[in-house]
Amino acid sequence: MRKKLFVSAGLSALVSFCGVAQMQEELSKKAKKELAKQPPVTVQTAIGTLELPSPFSTKSVEKNSEIVPWPSGQMPIAPKGFKVSKFAEDLDHPRRSYVAP
């Protein structure tokens, strides 16, 4: 029984790994052009139908946030009964957080 369980778990992991590896493969320009030629997809949502463009048929966009430091000597205004203090400064990526062990 245990042997069958290990074999089926191993096969399942192998199939999953192959699928993930294929998804992560870089698409060629030709493949992207072919995907862009596909017709739009219509999906049914709770509020009605929605037409989605085919992959790579629209330009990809990216908008990064700009870090704006507080003016020197200024601090946020806290509600009455609360105190504001500086926790950290000069962070390269202030929106990333890590949990220590």
PDB file of N, CA and C in Angstrom:
ATOM      1  N   MET A   1       0.822  -1.196   0.000  1.00  0.00           N
ATOM      2  CA  MET A   1       0.000   0.000   0.000  1.00  0.00           C
ATOM      3  C   MET A   1       0.863   1.257   0.000  1.00  0.00           C
ATOM      4  N   ARG A   2       1.906   1.261   0.858  1.00  0.00           N
ATOM      5  CA  ARG A   2       2.783   2.433   0.941  1.00  0.00           C
ATOM      6  C   ARG A   2       3.541   2.626  -0.369  1.00  0.00           C
ATOM      7  N   LYS A   3       3.920   1.493  -0.990  1.00  0.00           N
ATOM      8  CA  LYS A   3       4.671   1.575  -2.242  1.00  0.00           C
ATOM      9  C   LYS A   3       3.824   2.247  -3.324  1.00  0.00           C
ATOM     10  N   LYS A   4       2.549   1.883  -3.398  1.00  0.00           N
ATOM     11  CA  LYS A   4       1.651   2.489  -4.382  1.00  0.00           C
ATOM     12  C   LYS A   4       1.486   3.981  -4.114  1.00  0.00           C
ATOM     13  N   LEU A   5       1.407   4.336  -2.845  1.00  0.00           N
ATOM     14  CA  LEU A   5       1.258   5.739  -2.472  1.00  0.00           C
ATOM     15  C   LEU A   5       2.483   6.543  -2.901  1.00  0.00           C
ATOM     16  N   PHE A   6       3.677   6.003  -2.638  1.00  0.00           N
ATOM     17  CA  PHE A   6       4.911   6.702  -3.014  1.00  0.00           C
ATOM     18  C   PHE A   6       5.050   6.805  -4.528  1.00  0.00           C
ATOM     19  N   VAL A   7       4.687   5.746  -5.241  1.00  0.00           N
ATOM     20  CA  VAL A   7       4.781   5.761  -6.702  1.00  0.00           C
ATOM     21  C   VAL A   7       3.815   6.789  -7.279  1.00  0.00           C
ATOM     22  N   SER A   8       2.583   6.804  -6.797  1.00  0.00           N
ATOM     23  CA  SER A   8       1.609   7.765  -7.323  1.00  0.00           C
ATOM     24  C   SER A   8       1.987   9.196  -6.951  1.00  0.00           C
ATOM     25  N   ALA A   9       2.529   9.403  -5.758  1.00  0.00           N
ATOM     26  CA  ALA A   9       2.972  10.741  -5.359  1.00  0.00           C
ATOM     27  C   ALA A   9       4.147  11.186  -6.216  1.00  0.00           C
ATOM     28  N   GLY A  10       5.062  10.283  -6.505  1.00  0.00           N
ATOM     29  CA  GLY A  10       6.213  10.603  -7.350  1.00  0.00           C
ATOM     30  C   GLY A  10       5.800  10.951  -8.765  1.00  0.00           C
ATOM     31  N   LEU A  11       4.893  10.166  -9.332  1.00  0.00           N
ATOM     32  CA  LEU A  11       4.405  10.451 -10.679  1.00  0.00           C
ATOM     33  C   LEU A  11       3.660  11.782 -10.728  1.00  0.00           C
ATOM     34  N   SER A  12       2.874  12.037  -9.715  1.00  0.00           N
ATOM     35  CA  SER A  12       2.143  13.299  -9.646  1.00  0.00           C
ATOM     36  C   SER A  12       3.101  14.489  -9.592  1.00  0.00           C
ATOM     37  N   ALA A  13       4.148  14.368  -8.788  1.00  0.00           N
ATOM     38  CA  ALA A  13       5.144  15.438  -8.682  1.00  0.00           C
ATOM     39  C   ALA A  13       5.865  15.637 -10.008  1.00  0.00           C
ATOM     40  N   LEU A  14       6.191  14.549 -10.700  1.00  0.00           N
ATOM     41  CA  LEU A  14       6.877  14.633 -11.984  1.00  0.00           C
ATOM     42  C   LEU A  14       6.012  15.338 -13.025  1.00  0.00           C
ATOM     43  N   VAL A  15       4.747  14.970 -13.101  1.00  0.00           N
ATOM     44  CA  VAL A  15       3.829  15.603 -14.046  1.00  0.00           C
ATOM     45  C   VAL A  15       3.672  17.084 -13.724  1.00  0.00           C
ATOM     46  N   SER A  16       3.546  17.423 -12.455  1.00  0.00           N
ATOM     47  CA  SER A  16       3.416  18.823 -12.049  1.00  0.00           C
ATOM     48  C   SER A  16       4.661  19.611 -12.421  1.00  0.00           C
ATOM     49  N   PHE A  17       5.829  19.035 -12.182  1.00  0.00           N
ATOM     50  CA  PHE A  17       7.089  19.713 -12.498  1.00  0.00           C
ATOM     51  C   PHE A  17       7.190  19.982 -13.995  1.00  0.00           C
ATOM     52  N   CYS A  18       6.813  19.018 -14.816  1.00  0.00           N
ATOM     53  CA  CYS A  18       6.885  19.200 -16.269  1.00  0.00           C
ATOM     54  C   CYS A  18       5.950  20.313 -16.722  1.00  0.00           C
ATOM     55  N   GLY A  19       4.766  20.378 -16.133  1.00  0.00           N
ATOM     56  CA  GLY A  19       3.812  21.433 -16.488  1.00  0.00           C
ATOM     57  C   GLY A  19       4.318  22.805 -16.108  1.00  0.00           C
ATOM     58  N   VAL A  20       4.912  22.937 -14.932  1.00  0.00           N
ATOM     59  CA  VAL A  20       5.451  24.222 -14.477  1.00  0.00           C
ATOM     60  C   VAL A  20       6.624  24.631 -15.349  1.00  0.00           C
ATOM     61  N   ALA A  21       7.495  23.694 -15.679  1.00  0.00           N
ATOM     62  CA  ALA A  21       8.657  24.003 -16.514  1.00  0.00           C
ATOM     63  C   ALA A  21       8.216  24.490 -17.883  1.00  0.00           C
ATOM     64  N   GLN A  22       7.168  23.891 -18.427  1.00  0.00           N
ATOM     65  CA  GLN A  22       6.675  24.303 -19.735  1.00  0.00           C
ATOM     66  C   GLN A  22       6.072  25.697 -19.670  1.00  0.00           C
ATOM     67  N   MET A  23       5.359  26.036 -18.598  1.00  0.00           N
ATOM     68  CA  MET A  23       4.757  27.359 -18.468  1.00  0.00           C
ATOM     69  C   MET A  23       5.819  28.434 -18.328  1.00  0.00           C
ATOM     70  N   GLN A  24       6.942  28.110 -17.691  1.00  0.00           N
ATOM     71  CA  GLN A  24       7.982  29.092 -17.459  1.00  0.00           C
ATOM     72  C   GLN A  24       8.881  29.286 -18.675  1.00  0.00           C
ATOM     73  N   GLU A  25       8.712  28.478 -19.688  1.00  0.00           N
ATOM     74  CA  GLU A  25       9.541  28.577 -20.880  1.00  0.00           C
ATOM     75  C   GLU A  25       9.268  29.905 -21.577  1.00  0.00           C
ATOM     76  N   GLU A  26      10.324  30.561 -22.023  1.00  0.00           N
ATOM     77  CA  GLU A  26      10.203  31.847 -22.701  1.00  0.00           C
ATOM     78  C   GLU A  26       9.553  31.643 -24.066  1.00  0.00           C
ATOM     79  N   LEU A  27       8.532  32.440 -24.365  1.00  0.00           N
ATOM     80  CA  LEU A  27       7.860  32.348 -25.652  1.00  0.00           C
ATOM     81  C   LEU A  27       8.644  33.123 -26.699  1.00  0.00           C
ATOM     82  N   SER A  28       8.723  32.566 -27.887  1.00  0.00           N
ATOM     83  CA  SER A  28       9.405  33.259 -28.977  1.00  0.00           C
ATOM     84  C   SER A  28       8.496  34.361 -29.515  1.00  0.00           C
ATOM     85  N   LYS A  29       9.078  35.291 -30.273  1.00  0.00           N
ATOM     86  CA  LYS A  29       8.290  36.376 -30.863  1.00  0.00           C
ATOM     87  C   LYS A  29       7.237  35.813 -31.810  1.00  0.00           C
ATOM     88  N   LYS A  30       7.600  34.761 -32.527  1.00  0.00           N
ATOM     89  CA  LYS A  30       6.663  34.141 -33.463  1.00  0.00           C
ATOM     90  C   LYS A  30       5.467  33.554 -32.713  1.00  0.00           C
ATOM     91  N   ALA A  31       5.729  32.880 -31.597  1.00  0.00           N
ATOM     92  CA  ALA A  31       4.648  32.283 -30.808  1.00  0.00           C
ATOM     93  C   ALA A  31       3.735  33.368 -30.241  1.00  0.00           C
ATOM     94  N   LYS A  32       4.324  34.487 -29.811  1.00  0.00           N
ATOM     95  CA  LYS A  32       3.519  35.589 -29.281  1.00  0.00           C
ATOM     96  C   LYS A  32       2.621  36.179 -30.363  1.00  0.00           C
ATOM     97  N   LYS A  33       3.162  36.309 -31.590  1.00  0.00           N
ATOM     98  CA  LYS A  33       2.359  36.841 -32.697  1.00  0.00           C
ATOM     99  C   LYS A  33       1.200  35.906 -33.021  1.00  0.00           C
ATOM    100  N   GLU A  34       1.465  34.599 -32.983  1.00  0.00           N
ATOM    101  CA  GLU A  34       0.404  33.624 -33.252  1.00  0.00           C
ATOM    102  C   GLU A  34      -0.689  33.690 -32.179  1.00  0.00           C
ATOM    103  N   LEU A  35      -0.287  33.821 -30.922  1.00  0.00           N
ATOM    104  CA  LEU A  35      -1.272  33.933 -29.841  1.00  0.00           C
ATOM    105  C   LEU A  35      -2.083  35.218 -29.966  1.00  0.00           C
ATOM    106  N   ALA A  36      -1.445  36.293 -30.417  1.00  0.00           N
ATOM    107  CA  ALA A  36      -2.136  37.576 -30.555  1.00  0.00           C
ATOM    108  C   ALA A  36      -3.188  37.536 -31.652  1.00  0.00           C
ATOM    109  N   LYS A  37      -3.048  36.625 -32.616  1.00  0.00           N
ATOM    110  CA  LYS A  37      -4.007  36.516 -33.722  1.00  0.00           C
ATOM    111  C   LYS A  37      -5.301  35.816 -33.313  1.00  0.00           C
ATOM    112  N   GLN A  38      -5.293  35.161 -32.167  1.00  0.00           N
ATOM    113  CA  GLN A  38      -6.497  34.449 -31.723  1.00  0.00           C
ATOM    114  C   GLN A  38      -7.624  35.443 -31.462  1.00  0.00           C
ATOM    115  N   PRO A  39      -8.868  35.021 -31.668  1.00  0.00           N
ATOM    116  CA  PRO A  39      -9.988  35.930 -31.393  1.00  0.00           C
ATOM    117  C   PRO A  39     -10.144  36.172 -29.893  1.00  0.00           C
ATOM    118  N   PRO A  40     -10.792  37.283 -29.521  1.00  0.00           N
ATOM    119  CA  PRO A  40     -11.026  37.553 -28.098  1.00  0.00           C
ATOM    120  C   PRO A  40     -11.863  36.442 -27.460  1.00  0.00           C
ATOM    121  N   VAL A  41     -11.707  36.284 -26.165  1.00  0.00           N
ATOM    122  CA  VAL A  41     -12.440  35.264 -25.417  1.00  0.00           C
ATOM    123  C   VAL A  41     -13.559  35.949 -24.641  1.00  0.00           C
ATOM    124  N   THR A  42     -14.765  35.412 -24.722  1.00  0.00           N
ATOM    125  CA  THR A  42     -15.892  35.945 -23.967  1.00  0.00           C
ATOM    126  C   THR A  42     -16.145  35.036 -22.774  1.00  0.00           C
ATOM    127  N   VAL A  43     -16.174  35.642 -21.582  1.00  0.00           N
ATOM    128  CA  VAL A  43     -16.426  34.878 -20.361  1.00  0.00           C
ATOM    129  C   VAL A  43     -17.676  35.408 -19.679  1.00  0.00           C
ATOM    130  N   GLN A  44     -18.354  34.525 -18.979  1.00  0.00           N
ATOM    131  CA  GLN A  44     -19.562  34.895 -18.250  1.00  0.00           C
ATOM    132  C   GLN A  44     -19.190  35.168 -16.802  1.00  0.00           C
ATOM    133  N   THR A  45     -19.536  36.355 -16.308  1.00  0.00           N
ATOM    134  CA  THR A  45     -19.287  36.703 -14.915  1.00  0.00           C
ATOM    135  C   THR A  45     -20.616  36.869 -14.197  1.00  0.00           C
ATOM    136  N   ALA A  46     -20.557  37.135 -12.910  1.00  0.00           N
ATOM    137  CA  ALA A  46     -21.780  37.297 -12.121  1.00  0.00           C
ATOM    138  C   ALA A  46     -22.596  38.501 -12.575  1.00  0.00           C
ATOM    139  N   ILE A  47     -21.932  39.504 -13.158  1.00  0.00           N
ATOM    140  CA  ILE A  47     -22.659  40.711 -13.570  1.00  0.00           C
ATOM    141  C   ILE A  47     -22.890  40.787 -15.071  1.00  0.00           C
ATOM    142  N   GLY A  48     -22.450  39.802 -15.810  1.00  0.00           N
ATOM    143  CA  GLY A  48     -22.667  39.790 -17.254  1.00  0.00           C
ATOM    144  C   GLY A  48     -21.478  39.198 -17.988  1.00  0.00           C
ATOM    145  N   THR A  49     -21.480  39.369 -19.316  1.00  0.00           N
ATOM    146  CA  THR A  49     -20.389  38.838 -20.122  1.00  0.00           C
ATOM    147  C   THR A  49     -19.255  39.854 -20.209  1.00  0.00           C
ATOM    148  N   LEU A  50     -18.062  39.336 -20.388  1.00  0.00           N
ATOM    149  CA  LEU A  50     -16.870  40.164 -20.467  1.00  0.00           C
ATOM    150  C   LEU A  50     -16.007  39.629 -21.594  1.00  0.00           C
ATOM    151  N   GLU A  51     -15.570  40.509 -22.490  1.00  0.00           N
ATOM    152  CA  GLU A  51     -14.727  40.095 -23.605  1.00  0.00           C
ATOM    153  C   GLU A  51     -13.273  40.401 -23.275  1.00  0.00           C
ATOM    154  N   LEU A  52     -12.462  39.353 -23.210  1.00  0.00           N
ATOM    155  CA  LEU A  52     -11.047  39.493 -22.885  1.00  0.00           C
ATOM    156  C   LEU A  52     -10.218  39.453 -24.162  1.00  0.00           C
ATOM    157  N   PRO A  53      -9.246  40.348 -24.312  1.00  0.00           N
ATOM    158  CA  PRO A  53      -8.394  40.303 -25.502  1.00  0.00           C
ATOM    159  C   PRO A  53      -7.504  39.065 -25.471  1.00  0.00           C
ATOM    160  N   SER A  54      -7.066  38.640 -26.637  1.00  0.00           N
ATOM    161  CA  SER A  54      -6.177  37.480 -26.686  1.00  0.00           C
ATOM    162  C   SER A  54      -4.813  37.850 -26.111  1.00  0.00           C
ATOM    163  N   PRO A  55      -4.056  36.865 -25.646  1.00  0.00           N
ATOM    164  CA  PRO A  55      -2.742  37.149 -25.060  1.00  0.00           C
ATOM    165  C   PRO A  55      -1.826  37.849 -26.061  1.00  0.00           C
ATOM    166  N   PHE A  56      -1.053  38.802 -25.587  1.00  0.00           N
ATOM    167  CA  PHE A  56      -0.056  39.536 -26.361  1.00  0.00           C
ATOM    168  C   PHE A  56      -0.658  40.398 -27.473  1.00  0.00           C
ATOM    169  N   SER A  57      -1.977  40.595 -27.499  1.00  0.00           N
ATOM    170  CA  SER A  57      -2.572  41.451 -28.523  1.00  0.00           C
ATOM    171  C   SER A  57      -2.551  42.918 -28.103  1.00  0.00           C
ATOM    172  N   THR A  58      -2.324  43.185 -26.831  1.00  0.00           N
ATOM    173  CA  THR A  58      -2.211  44.559 -26.342  1.00  0.00           C
ATOM    174  C   THR A  58      -0.830  44.758 -25.729  1.00  0.00           C
ATOM    175  N   LYS A  59      -0.394  46.002 -25.675  1.00  0.00           N
ATOM    176  CA  LYS A  59       0.927  46.321 -25.143  1.00  0.00           C
ATOM    177  C   LYS A  59       0.939  46.121 -23.626  1.00  0.00           C
ATOM    178  N   SER A  60       1.992  45.509 -23.122  1.00  0.00           N
ATOM    179  CA  SER A  60       2.147  45.337 -21.678  1.00  0.00           C
ATOM    180  C   SER A  60       2.532  46.668 -21.052  1.00  0.00           C
ATOM    181  N   VAL A  61       2.006  46.932 -19.878  1.00  0.00           N
ATOM    182  CA  VAL A  61       2.330  48.181 -19.185  1.00  0.00           C
ATOM    183  C   VAL A  61       2.917  47.863 -17.818  1.00  0.00           C
ATOM    184  N   GLU A  62       3.687  48.798 -17.326  1.00  0.00           N
ATOM    185  CA  GLU A  62       4.307  48.656 -16.012  1.00  0.00           C
ATOM    186  C   GLU A  62       4.387  50.035 -15.391  1.00  0.00           C
ATOM    187  N   LYS A  63       3.978  50.146 -14.161  1.00  0.00           N
ATOM    188  CA  LYS A  63       4.061  51.421 -13.460  1.00  0.00           C
ATOM    189  C   LYS A  63       4.655  51.161 -12.084  1.00  0.00           C
ATOM    190  N   ASN A  64       5.844  51.679 -11.881  1.00  0.00           N
ATOM    191  CA  ASN A  64       6.519  51.522 -10.598  1.00  0.00           C
ATOM    192  C   ASN A  64       6.204  52.711  -9.710  1.00  0.00           C
ATOM    193  N   SER A  65       6.122  52.469  -8.429  1.00  0.00           N
ATOM    194  CA  SER A  65       5.866  53.561  -7.495  1.00  0.00           C
ATOM    195  C   SER A  65       7.145  54.339  -7.246  1.00  0.00           C
ATOM    196  N   GLU A  66       6.988  55.613  -6.960  1.00  0.00           N
ATOM    197  CA  GLU A  66       8.125  56.478  -6.686  1.00  0.00           C
ATOM    198  C   GLU A  66       8.226  56.685  -5.182  1.00  0.00           C
ATOM    199  N   ILE A  67       9.411  56.518  -4.645  1.00  0.00           N
ATOM    200  CA  ILE A  67       9.626  56.699  -3.213  1.00  0.00           C
ATOM    201  C   ILE A  67       9.837  58.184  -2.947  1.00  0.00           C
ATOM    202  N   VAL A  68       8.970  58.753  -2.129  1.00  0.00           N
ATOM    203  CA  VAL A  68       9.065  60.168  -1.781  1.00  0.00           C
ATOM    204  C   VAL A  68       9.367  60.260  -0.291  1.00  0.00           C
ATOM    205  N   PRO A  69      10.553  60.738   0.073  1.00  0.00           N
ATOM    206  CA  PRO A  69      10.906  60.798   1.495  1.00  0.00           C
ATOM    207  C   PRO A  69      10.168  61.919   2.218  1.00  0.00           C
ATOM    208  N   TRP A  70      10.024  61.774   3.531  1.00  0.00           N
ATOM    209  CA  TRP A  70       9.444  62.835   4.344  1.00  0.00           C
ATOM    210  C   TRP A  70      10.424  64.003   4.383  1.00  0.00           C
ATOM    211  N   PRO A  71       9.916  65.220   4.393  1.00  0.00           N
ATOM    212  CA  PRO A  71      10.814  66.368   4.546  1.00  0.00           C
ATOM    213  C   PRO A  71      11.568  66.277   5.873  1.00  0.00           C
ATOM    214  N   SER A  72      12.771  66.811   5.894  1.00  0.00           N
ATOM    215  CA  SER A  72      13.628  66.726   7.074  1.00  0.00           C
ATOM    216  C   SER A  72      12.950  67.315   8.303  1.00  0.00           C
ATOM    217  N   GLY A  73      12.931  66.541   9.382  1.00  0.00           N
ATOM    218  CA  GLY A  73      12.372  67.010  10.646  1.00  0.00           C
ATOM    219  C   GLY A  73      10.867  66.868  10.768  1.00  0.00           C
ATOM    220  N   GLN A  74      10.164  66.460   9.722  1.00  0.00           N
ATOM    221  CA  GLN A  74       8.708  66.312   9.805  1.00  0.00           C
ATOM    222  C   GLN A  74       8.339  64.862  10.081  1.00  0.00           C
ATOM    223  N   MET A  75       7.228  64.688  10.778  1.00  0.00           N
ATOM    224  CA  MET A  75       6.706  63.361  11.081  1.00  0.00           C
ATOM    225  C   MET A  75       5.206  63.364  10.798  1.00  0.00           C
ATOM    226  N   PRO A  76       4.619  62.197  10.566  1.00  0.00           N
ATOM    227  CA  PRO A  76       3.167  62.131  10.399  1.00  0.00           C
ATOM    228  C   PRO A  76       2.457  62.585  11.676  1.00  0.00           C
ATOM    229  N   ILE A  77       1.258  63.109  11.518  1.00  0.00           N
ATOM    230  CA  ILE A  77       0.477  63.549  12.678  1.00  0.00           C
ATOM    231  C   ILE A  77      -0.378  62.376  13.140  1.00  0.00           C
ATOM    232  N   ALA A  78      -0.196  61.989  14.385  1.00  0.00           N
ATOM    233  CA  ALA A  78      -0.926  60.850  14.950  1.00  0.00           C
ATOM    234  C   ALA A  78      -2.162  61.337  15.693  1.00  0.00           C
ATOM    235  N   PRO A  79      -3.181  60.488  15.803  1.00  0.00           N
ATOM    236  CA  PRO A  79      -4.359  60.846  16.595  1.00  0.00           C
ATOM    237  C   PRO A  79      -3.981  61.057  18.062  1.00  0.00           C
ATOM    238  N   LYS A  80      -4.831  61.766  18.765  1.00  0.00           N
ATOM    239  CA  LYS A  80      -4.585  62.057  20.175  1.00  0.00           C
ATOM    240  C   LYS A  80      -4.428  60.742  20.955  1.00  0.00           C
ATOM    241  N   GLY A  81      -3.378  60.671  21.775  1.00  0.00           N
ATOM    242  CA  GLY A  81      -3.121  59.474  22.570  1.00  0.00           C
ATOM    243  C   GLY A  81      -2.142  58.506  21.917  1.00  0.00           C
ATOM    244  N   PHE A  82      -1.743  58.768  20.661  1.00  0.00           N
ATOM    245  CA  PHE A  82      -0.797  57.908  19.959  1.00  0.00           C
ATOM    246  C   PHE A  82       0.510  58.659  19.745  1.00  0.00           C
ATOM    247  N   LYS A  83       1.591  57.916  19.570  1.00  0.00           N
ATOM    248  CA  LYS A  83       2.909  58.507  19.366  1.00  0.00           C
ATOM    249  C   LYS A  83       3.507  57.947  18.075  1.00  0.00           C
ATOM    250  N   VAL A  84       4.148  58.800  17.289  1.00  0.00           N
ATOM    251  CA  VAL A  84       4.785  58.385  16.043  1.00  0.00           C
ATOM    252  C   VAL A  84       6.291  58.426  16.230  1.00  0.00           C
ATOM    253  N   SER A  85       6.979  57.361  15.826  1.00  0.00           N
ATOM    254  CA  SER A  85       8.440  57.347  15.882  1.00  0.00           C
ATOM    255  C   SER A  85       8.972  56.672  14.620  1.00  0.00           C
ATOM    256  N   LYS A  86      10.204  56.986  14.259  1.00  0.00           N
ATOM    257  CA  LYS A  86      10.817  56.410  13.062  1.00  0.00           C
ATOM    258  C   LYS A  86      11.214  54.967  13.362  1.00  0.00           C
ATOM    259  N   PHE A  87      10.780  54.054  12.522  1.00  0.00           N
ATOM    260  CA  PHE A  87      11.075  52.637  12.709  1.00  0.00           C
ATOM    261  C   PHE A  87      12.318  52.226  11.922  1.00  0.00           C
ATOM    262  N   ALA A  88      12.436  52.727  10.675  1.00  0.00           N
ATOM    263  CA  ALA A  88      13.571  52.373   9.822  1.00  0.00           C
ATOM    264  C   ALA A  88      13.793  53.486   8.810  1.00  0.00           C
ATOM    265  N   GLU A  89      14.995  53.536   8.246  1.00  0.00           N
ATOM    266  CA  GLU A  89      15.285  54.538   7.221  1.00  0.00           C
ATOM    267  C   GLU A  89      16.294  53.984   6.225  1.00  0.00           C
ATOM    268  N   ASP A  90      16.419  54.660   5.088  1.00  0.00           N
ATOM    269  CA  ASP A  90      17.356  54.292   4.023  1.00  0.00           C
ATOM    270  C   ASP A  90      17.155  52.858   3.536  1.00  0.00           C
ATOM    271  N   LEU A  91      15.904  52.461   3.349  1.00  0.00           N
ATOM    272  CA  LEU A  91      15.602  51.121   2.851  1.00  0.00           C
ATOM    273  C   LEU A  91      15.655  51.121   1.326  1.00  0.00           C
ATOM    274  N   ASP A  92      16.255  50.099   0.728  1.00  0.00           N
ATOM    275  CA  ASP A  92      16.298  49.995  -0.730  1.00  0.00           C
ATOM    276  C   ASP A  92      14.919  49.679  -1.297  1.00  0.00           C
ATOM    277  N   HIS A  93      14.182  48.841  -0.614  1.00  0.00           N
ATOM    278  CA  HIS A  93      12.849  48.430  -1.060  1.00  0.00           C
ATOM    279  C   HIS A  93      11.893  48.532   0.126  1.00  0.00           C
ATOM    280  N   PRO A  94      11.364  49.725   0.402  1.00  0.00           N
ATOM    281  CA  PRO A  94      10.566  49.916   1.615  1.00  0.00           C
ATOM    282  C   PRO A  94       9.251  49.143   1.655  1.00  0.00           C
ATOM    283  N   ARG A  95       8.753  48.677   0.517  1.00  0.00           N
ATOM    284  CA  ARG A  95       7.479  47.952   0.530  1.00  0.00           C
ATOM    285  C   ARG A  95       7.660  46.450   0.704  1.00  0.00           C
ATOM    286  N   ARG A  96       8.876  45.984   0.666  1.00  0.00           N
ATOM    287  CA  ARG A  96       9.137  44.562   0.900  1.00  0.00           C
ATOM    288  C   ARG A  96       9.331  44.342   2.388  1.00  0.00           C
ATOM    289  N   SER A  97       8.763  43.279   2.885  1.00  0.00           N
ATOM    290  CA  SER A  97       8.960  42.956   4.298  1.00  0.00           C
ATOM    291  C   SER A  97       9.314  41.479   4.414  1.00  0.00           C
ATOM    292  N   TYR A  98      10.101  41.170   5.400  1.00  0.00           N
ATOM    293  CA  TYR A  98      10.533  39.803   5.639  1.00  0.00           C
ATOM    294  C   TYR A  98      10.222  39.440   7.080  1.00  0.00           C
ATOM    295  N   VAL A  99       9.883  38.200   7.304  1.00  0.00           N
ATOM    296  CA  VAL A  99       9.611  37.721   8.647  1.00  0.00           C
ATOM    297  C   VAL A  99      10.827  36.931   9.107  1.00  0.00           C
ATOM    298  N   ALA A 100      11.394  37.352  10.203  1.00  0.00           N
ATOM    299  CA  ALA A 100      12.570  36.663  10.740  1.00  0.00           C
ATOM    300  C   ALA A 100      12.138  35.397  11.467  1.00  0.00           C
ATOM    301  N   PRO A 101      13.041  34.407  11.524  1.00  0.00           N
ATOM    302  CA  PRO A 101      12.681  33.157  12.210  1.00  0.00           C
ATOM    303  C   PRO A 101      12.531  33.348  13.705  1.00  0.00           C
TER     304      PRO A 101
END
